[in-house]
């Protein structure tokens, strides 16, 4: 059911871009301010500016409104880019992500697992480029972050593989007394005892 819904959303977005001529994509040009909010996050305008979803409080309606804005973050290689649902899923991102933040790199193991996955790293150059630059702004190098994350995951996996599911011990059928040493020392017989 959920996959059918995702497929429908992806199909609608594709139709909006190709058939209906979405306002933000007129004549092959992507303008952040004209993109629907559902397509804003992780998009790149024709001028190379990254689009950013902003959340604003509307005092008239006392509600929250979203709008798509051009950011000051520029992209050199990928212009006129609307990120695919497949990449968002592979990289662990949400379509309605507000702002741009590297917080997930430091805080969320699940996010790092998705972002550092082979599928995301190999198939989603726009997302990788964005987080490479966000990480650099925080003094981190994304390939090194991913390498460290993968090493920790491998060592964690190896540790779980080495630990048997049920370890034999005194409480698994044996007697605790079986582990008591047969010879004991008393303080009186110890050398130098008073």
C-alpha atoms as a PDB file:
ATOM      1  CA  UNK A   1       0.000   0.000   0.000  1.00  0.00           C
ATOM      2  CA  UNK A   2       2.756   2.452   0.963  1.00  0.00           C
ATOM      3  CA  UNK A   3       4.786   1.588  -2.142  1.00  0.00           C
ATOM      4  CA  UNK A   4       1.720   2.163  -4.323  1.00  0.00           C
ATOM      5  CA  UNK A   5       1.319   5.591  -2.732  1.00  0.00           C
ATOM      6  CA  UNK A   6       4.994   6.424  -3.322  1.00  0.00           C
ATOM      7  CA  UNK A   7       4.681   5.281  -6.918  1.00  0.00           C
ATOM      8  CA  UNK A   8       1.617   7.501  -7.379  1.00  0.00           C
ATOM      9  CA  UNK A   9       3.426  10.511  -5.898  1.00  0.00           C
ATOM     10  CA  UNK A  10       6.459   9.904  -8.125  1.00  0.00           C
ATOM     11  CA  UNK A  11       4.215   9.524 -11.162  1.00  0.00           C
ATOM     12  CA  UNK A  12       2.377  12.754 -10.335  1.00  0.00           C
ATOM     13  CA  UNK A  13       5.660  14.643  -9.931  1.00  0.00           C
ATOM     14  CA  UNK A  14       6.937  13.295 -13.227  1.00  0.00           C
ATOM     15  CA  UNK A  15       3.717  14.257 -14.985  1.00  0.00           C
ATOM     16  CA  UNK A  16       3.823  17.709 -13.429  1.00  0.00           C
ATOM     17  CA  UNK A  17       7.316  18.259 -14.768  1.00  0.00           C
ATOM     18  CA  UNK A  18       6.880  16.841 -18.239  1.00  0.00           C
ATOM     19  CA  UNK A  19       3.251  17.170 -19.322  1.00  0.00           C
ATOM     20  CA  UNK A  20       1.761  20.010 -17.350  1.00  0.00           C
ATOM     21  CA  UNK A  21       4.767  22.334 -17.549  1.00  0.00           C
ATOM     22  CA  UNK A  22       5.087  23.232 -13.881  1.00  0.00           C
ATOM     23  CA  UNK A  23       5.502  26.989 -13.388  1.00  0.00           C
ATOM     24  CA  UNK A  24       8.996  26.572 -11.975  1.00  0.00           C
ATOM     25  CA  UNK A  25      10.122  24.643 -15.047  1.00  0.00           C
ATOM     26  CA  UNK A  26       9.078  26.846 -17.941  1.00  0.00           C
ATOM     27  CA  UNK A  27      10.898  26.463 -21.195  1.00  0.00           C
ATOM     28  CA  UNK A  28      13.397  24.082 -19.582  1.00  0.00           C
ATOM     29  CA  UNK A  29      14.314  26.592 -16.874  1.00  0.00           C
ATOM     30  CA  UNK A  30      14.078  25.768 -13.182  1.00  0.00           C
ATOM     31  CA  UNK A  31      13.345  28.725 -10.920  1.00  0.00           C
ATOM     32  CA  UNK A  32      13.290  27.931  -7.205  1.00  0.00           C
ATOM     33  CA  UNK A  33      10.723  30.599  -6.344  1.00  0.00           C
ATOM     34  CA  UNK A  34       8.276  29.128  -8.869  1.00  0.00           C
ATOM     35  CA  UNK A  35       8.673  25.477  -7.874  1.00  0.00           C
ATOM     36  CA  UNK A  36       5.887  23.808  -5.912  1.00  0.00           C
ATOM     37  CA  UNK A  37       7.018  23.219  -2.319  1.00  0.00           C
ATOM     38  CA  UNK A  38       6.734  19.455  -2.881  1.00  0.00           C
ATOM     39  CA  UNK A  39       9.558  19.653  -5.448  1.00  0.00           C
ATOM     40  CA  UNK A  40      11.775  22.265  -3.818  1.00  0.00           C
ATOM     41  CA  UNK A  41      14.150  20.471  -1.463  1.00  0.00           C
ATOM     42  CA  UNK A  42      17.306  19.162  -3.167  1.00  0.00           C
ATOM     43  CA  UNK A  43      16.456  20.922  -6.471  1.00  0.00           C
ATOM     44  CA  UNK A  44      18.965  23.049  -8.372  1.00  0.00           C
ATOM     45  CA  UNK A  45      17.891  26.071 -10.415  1.00  0.00           C
ATOM     46  CA  UNK A  46      18.962  26.897 -13.959  1.00  0.00           C
ATOM     47  CA  UNK A  47      21.408  29.446 -12.561  1.00  0.00           C
ATOM     48  CA  UNK A  48      23.019  26.757 -10.364  1.00  0.00           C
ATOM     49  CA  UNK A  49      21.547  27.961  -7.061  1.00  0.00           C
ATOM     50  CA  UNK A  50      20.358  25.233  -4.726  1.00  0.00           C
ATOM     51  CA  UNK A  51      16.692  25.536  -3.871  1.00  0.00           C
ATOM     52  CA  UNK A  52      15.801  25.501  -0.192  1.00  0.00           C
ATOM     53  CA  UNK A  53      12.421  24.932   1.403  1.00  0.00           C
ATOM     54  CA  UNK A  54      11.655  27.619   3.971  1.00  0.00           C
ATOM     55  CA  UNK A  55       9.007  27.492   6.682  1.00  0.00           C
ATOM     56  CA  UNK A  56       7.364  30.775   7.615  1.00  0.00           C
ATOM     57  CA  UNK A  57       4.760  31.674  10.169  1.00  0.00           C
ATOM     58  CA  UNK A  58       1.818  33.536   8.658  1.00  0.00           C
ATOM     59  CA  UNK A  59       0.491  36.021  11.214  1.00  0.00           C
ATOM     60  CA  UNK A  60      -2.733  36.535   9.250  1.00  0.00           C
ATOM     61  CA  UNK A  61      -3.743  32.868   9.309  1.00  0.00           C
ATOM     62  CA  UNK A  62      -1.712  31.911  12.407  1.00  0.00           C
ATOM     63  CA  UNK A  63      -0.411  28.969  10.446  1.00  0.00           C
ATOM     64  CA  UNK A  64       2.782  27.713   8.909  1.00  0.00           C
ATOM     65  CA  UNK A  65       3.432  28.184   5.219  1.00  0.00           C
ATOM     66  CA  UNK A  66       6.204  26.736   3.110  1.00  0.00           C
ATOM     67  CA  UNK A  67       7.892  28.443   0.204  1.00  0.00           C
ATOM     68  CA  UNK A  68      10.741  27.599  -2.104  1.00  0.00           C
ATOM     69  CA  UNK A  69      13.667  30.033  -2.229  1.00  0.00           C
ATOM     70  CA  UNK A  70      17.010  30.236  -4.004  1.00  0.00           C
ATOM     71  CA  UNK A  71      19.884  29.775  -1.590  1.00  0.00           C
ATOM     72  CA  UNK A  72      23.337  31.296  -1.831  1.00  0.00           C
ATOM     73  CA  UNK A  73      24.776  27.786  -2.220  1.00  0.00           C
ATOM     74  CA  UNK A  74      25.825  27.367  -5.849  1.00  0.00           C
ATOM     75  CA  UNK A  75      26.364  24.150  -7.790  1.00  0.00           C
ATOM     76  CA  UNK A  76      28.973  23.969 -10.527  1.00  0.00           C
ATOM     77  CA  UNK A  77      28.011  20.854 -12.473  1.00  0.00           C
ATOM     78  CA  UNK A  78      24.325  20.012 -12.039  1.00  0.00           C
ATOM     79  CA  UNK A  79      21.850  22.666 -13.066  1.00  0.00           C
ATOM     80  CA  UNK A  80      18.121  22.405 -13.705  1.00  0.00           C
ATOM     81  CA  UNK A  81      17.874  19.413 -11.375  1.00  0.00           C
ATOM     82  CA  UNK A  82      14.816  18.098  -9.570  1.00  0.00           C
ATOM     83  CA  UNK A  83      15.885  15.247  -7.276  1.00  0.00           C
ATOM     84  CA  UNK A  84      14.220  11.883  -7.883  1.00  0.00           C
ATOM     85  CA  UNK A  85      12.172   9.982  -5.336  1.00  0.00           C
ATOM     86  CA  UNK A  86      14.546   7.032  -5.780  1.00  0.00           C
ATOM     87  CA  UNK A  87      17.535   9.108  -4.668  1.00  0.00           C
ATOM     88  CA  UNK A  88      15.667  10.633  -1.751  1.00  0.00           C
ATOM     89  CA  UNK A  89      14.748   7.150  -0.554  1.00  0.00           C
ATOM     90  CA  UNK A  90      18.216   5.670  -1.180  1.00  0.00           C
ATOM     91  CA  UNK A  91      19.898   8.537   0.681  1.00  0.00           C
ATOM     92  CA  UNK A  92      17.399   8.616   3.575  1.00  0.00           C
ATOM     93  CA  UNK A  93      16.004  12.075   2.800  1.00  0.00           C
ATOM     94  CA  UNK A  94      12.522  13.560   2.970  1.00  0.00           C
ATOM     95  CA  UNK A  95      10.987  15.578   0.136  1.00  0.00           C
ATOM     96  CA  UNK A  96       9.694  18.233   2.548  1.00  0.00           C
ATOM     97  CA  UNK A  97      13.048  18.860   4.281  1.00  0.00           C
ATOM     98  CA  UNK A  98      13.275  22.444   5.495  1.00  0.00           C
ATOM     99  CA  UNK A  99      16.597  24.240   5.113  1.00  0.00           C
ATOM    100  CA  UNK A 100      19.978  22.624   4.545  1.00  0.00           C
ATOM    101  CA  UNK A 101      21.797  21.029   7.437  1.00  0.00           C
ATOM    102  CA  UNK A 102      24.669  18.651   8.082  1.00  0.00           C
ATOM    103  CA  UNK A 103      23.229  17.710  11.508  1.00  0.00           C
ATOM    104  CA  UNK A 104      22.305  14.209  10.345  1.00  0.00           C
ATOM    105  CA  UNK A 105      25.953  13.447   9.595  1.00  0.00           C
ATOM    106  CA  UNK A 106      26.913  13.877  13.230  1.00  0.00           C
ATOM    107  CA  UNK A 107      23.706  12.829  14.964  1.00  0.00           C
ATOM    108  CA  UNK A 108      22.015   9.986  13.111  1.00  0.00           C
ATOM    109  CA  UNK A 109      23.538   6.588  12.426  1.00  0.00           C
ATOM    110  CA  UNK A 110      20.547   5.686  10.237  1.00  0.00           C
ATOM    111  CA  UNK A 111      21.043   8.803   8.125  1.00  0.00           C
ATOM    112  CA  UNK A 112      24.766   8.093   7.708  1.00  0.00           C
ATOM    113  CA  UNK A 113      23.964   4.493   6.749  1.00  0.00           C
ATOM    114  CA  UNK A 114      21.686   5.693   3.957  1.00  0.00           C
ATOM    115  CA  UNK A 115      23.876   8.581   2.802  1.00  0.00           C
ATOM    116  CA  UNK A 116      26.988   6.380   2.791  1.00  0.00           C
ATOM    117  CA  UNK A 117      25.246   3.463   1.067  1.00  0.00           C
ATOM    118  CA  UNK A 118      26.596   2.384  -2.306  1.00  0.00           C
ATOM    119  CA  UNK A 119      23.208   3.134  -3.904  1.00  0.00           C
ATOM    120  CA  UNK A 120      23.255   6.757  -2.715  1.00  0.00           C
ATOM    121  CA  UNK A 121      26.969   7.333  -3.323  1.00  0.00           C
ATOM    122  CA  UNK A 122      26.932   5.845  -6.836  1.00  0.00           C
ATOM    123  CA  UNK A 123      23.503   6.854  -8.158  1.00  0.00           C
ATOM    124  CA  UNK A 124      22.726  10.232  -6.557  1.00  0.00           C
ATOM    125  CA  UNK A 125      25.455  12.746  -7.467  1.00  0.00           C
ATOM    126  CA  UNK A 126      23.359  15.799  -6.552  1.00  0.00           C
ATOM    127  CA  UNK A 127      22.762  14.608  -2.984  1.00  0.00           C
ATOM    128  CA  UNK A 128      26.377  13.509  -2.559  1.00  0.00           C
ATOM    129  CA  UNK A 129      27.612  16.887  -3.844  1.00  0.00           C
ATOM    130  CA  UNK A 130      25.314  18.744  -1.435  1.00  0.00           C
ATOM    131  CA  UNK A 131      26.404  16.752   1.625  1.00  0.00           C
ATOM    132  CA  UNK A 132      30.056  16.815   0.560  1.00  0.00           C
ATOM    133  CA  UNK A 133      29.872  20.617   0.706  1.00  0.00           C
ATOM    134  CA  UNK A 134      27.771  20.728   3.884  1.00  0.00           C
ATOM    135  CA  UNK A 135      30.244  18.388   5.600  1.00  0.00           C
ATOM    136  CA  UNK A 136      33.186  20.504   4.411  1.00  0.00           C
ATOM    137  CA  UNK A 137      31.526  23.552   5.949  1.00  0.00           C
ATOM    138  CA  UNK A 138      31.603  21.703   9.280  1.00  0.00           C
ATOM    139  CA  UNK A 139      35.245  20.675   8.870  1.00  0.00           C
ATOM    140  CA  UNK A 140      34.392  17.110   7.837  1.00  0.00           C
ATOM    141  CA  UNK A 141      35.289  15.215   4.676  1.00  0.00           C
ATOM    142  CA  UNK A 142      32.300  13.110   3.577  1.00  0.00           C
ATOM    143  CA  UNK A 143      34.312  10.193   2.119  1.00  0.00           C
ATOM    144  CA  UNK A 144      36.192   9.919   5.435  1.00  0.00           C
ATOM    145  CA  UNK A 145      32.923  10.131   7.411  1.00  0.00           C
ATOM    146  CA  UNK A 146      31.477   7.325   5.276  1.00  0.00           C
ATOM    147  CA  UNK A 147      34.651   5.252   5.536  1.00  0.00           C
ATOM    148  CA  UNK A 148      34.611   5.529   9.344  1.00  0.00           C
ATOM    149  CA  UNK A 149      30.903   4.730   9.455  1.00  0.00           C
ATOM    150  CA  UNK A 150      31.345   1.632   7.276  1.00  0.00           C
ATOM    151  CA  UNK A 151      34.285   0.435   9.424  1.00  0.00           C
ATOM    152  CA  UNK A 152      32.198   0.777  12.589  1.00  0.00           C
ATOM    153  CA  UNK A 153      29.309  -1.062  10.936  1.00  0.00           C
ATOM    154  CA  UNK A 154      31.608  -3.895   9.802  1.00  0.00           C
ATOM    155  CA  UNK A 155      33.217  -4.258  13.238  1.00  0.00           C
ATOM    156  CA  UNK A 156      29.792  -4.191  14.890  1.00  0.00           C
ATOM    157  CA  UNK A 157      28.591  -6.879  12.477  1.00  0.00           C
ATOM    158  CA  UNK A 158      31.706  -8.997  13.104  1.00  0.00           C
ATOM    159  CA  UNK A 159      31.231  -8.665  16.858  1.00  0.00           C
ATOM    160  CA  UNK A 160      27.647  -9.912  16.599  1.00  0.00           C
ATOM    161  CA  UNK A 161      28.729 -12.791  14.374  1.00  0.00           C
ATOM    162  CA  UNK A 162      31.407 -13.886  16.877  1.00  0.00           C
ATOM    163  CA  UNK A 163      29.158 -13.835  19.947  1.00  0.00           C
ATOM    164  CA  UNK A 164      27.080 -17.042  20.048  1.00  0.00           C
ATOM    165  CA  UNK A 165      23.355 -16.625  20.545  1.00  0.00           C
ATOM    166  CA  UNK A 166      23.403 -18.683  23.768  1.00  0.00           C
ATOM    167  CA  UNK A 167      26.659 -18.903  25.642  1.00  0.00           C
ATOM    168  CA  UNK A 168      27.275 -21.900  27.885  1.00  0.00           C
ATOM    169  CA  UNK A 169      27.769 -20.891  31.462  1.00  0.00           C
ATOM    170  CA  UNK A 170      26.863 -21.745  35.005  1.00  0.00           C
ATOM    171  CA  UNK A 171      23.265 -20.603  34.596  1.00  0.00           C
ATOM    172  CA  UNK A 172      22.637 -22.549  31.402  1.00  0.00           C
ATOM    173  CA  UNK A 173      22.379 -25.952  33.014  1.00  0.00           C
ATOM    174  CA  UNK A 174      25.658 -26.342  34.867  1.00  0.00           C
ATOM    175  CA  UNK A 175      26.292 -25.809  38.532  1.00  0.00           C
ATOM    176  CA  UNK A 176      27.895 -22.690  39.890  1.00  0.00           C
ATOM    177  CA  UNK A 177      29.908 -24.930  42.201  1.00  0.00           C
ATOM    178  CA  UNK A 178      31.570 -26.519  39.199  1.00  0.00           C
ATOM    179  CA  UNK A 179      33.540 -23.302  38.773  1.00  0.00           C
ATOM    180  CA  UNK A 180      34.809 -23.075  42.383  1.00  0.00           C
ATOM    181  CA  UNK A 181      38.530 -23.893  42.595  1.00  0.00           C
ATOM    182  CA  UNK A 182      39.270 -27.212  44.307  1.00  0.00           C
ATOM    183  CA  UNK A 183      42.189 -25.894  46.328  1.00  0.00           C
ATOM    184  CA  UNK A 184      41.706 -22.939  48.599  1.00  0.00           C
ATOM    185  CA  UNK A 185      44.044 -20.892  50.665  1.00  0.00           C
ATOM    186  CA  UNK A 186      43.240 -19.724  54.119  1.00  0.00           C
ATOM    187  CA  UNK A 187      44.790 -16.620  55.547  1.00  0.00           C
ATOM    188  CA  UNK A 188      46.266 -18.673  58.384  1.00  0.00           C
ATOM    189  CA  UNK A 189      48.275 -20.858  55.999  1.00  0.00           C
ATOM    190  CA  UNK A 190      49.423 -17.999  53.787  1.00  0.00           C
ATOM    191  CA  UNK A 191      53.104 -17.089  54.081  1.00  0.00           C
ATOM    192  CA  UNK A 192      53.670 -14.168  56.405  1.00  0.00           C
ATOM    193  CA  UNK A 193      50.321 -14.594  58.170  1.00  0.00           C
ATOM    194  CA  UNK A 194      50.127 -13.502  61.786  1.00  0.00           C
END
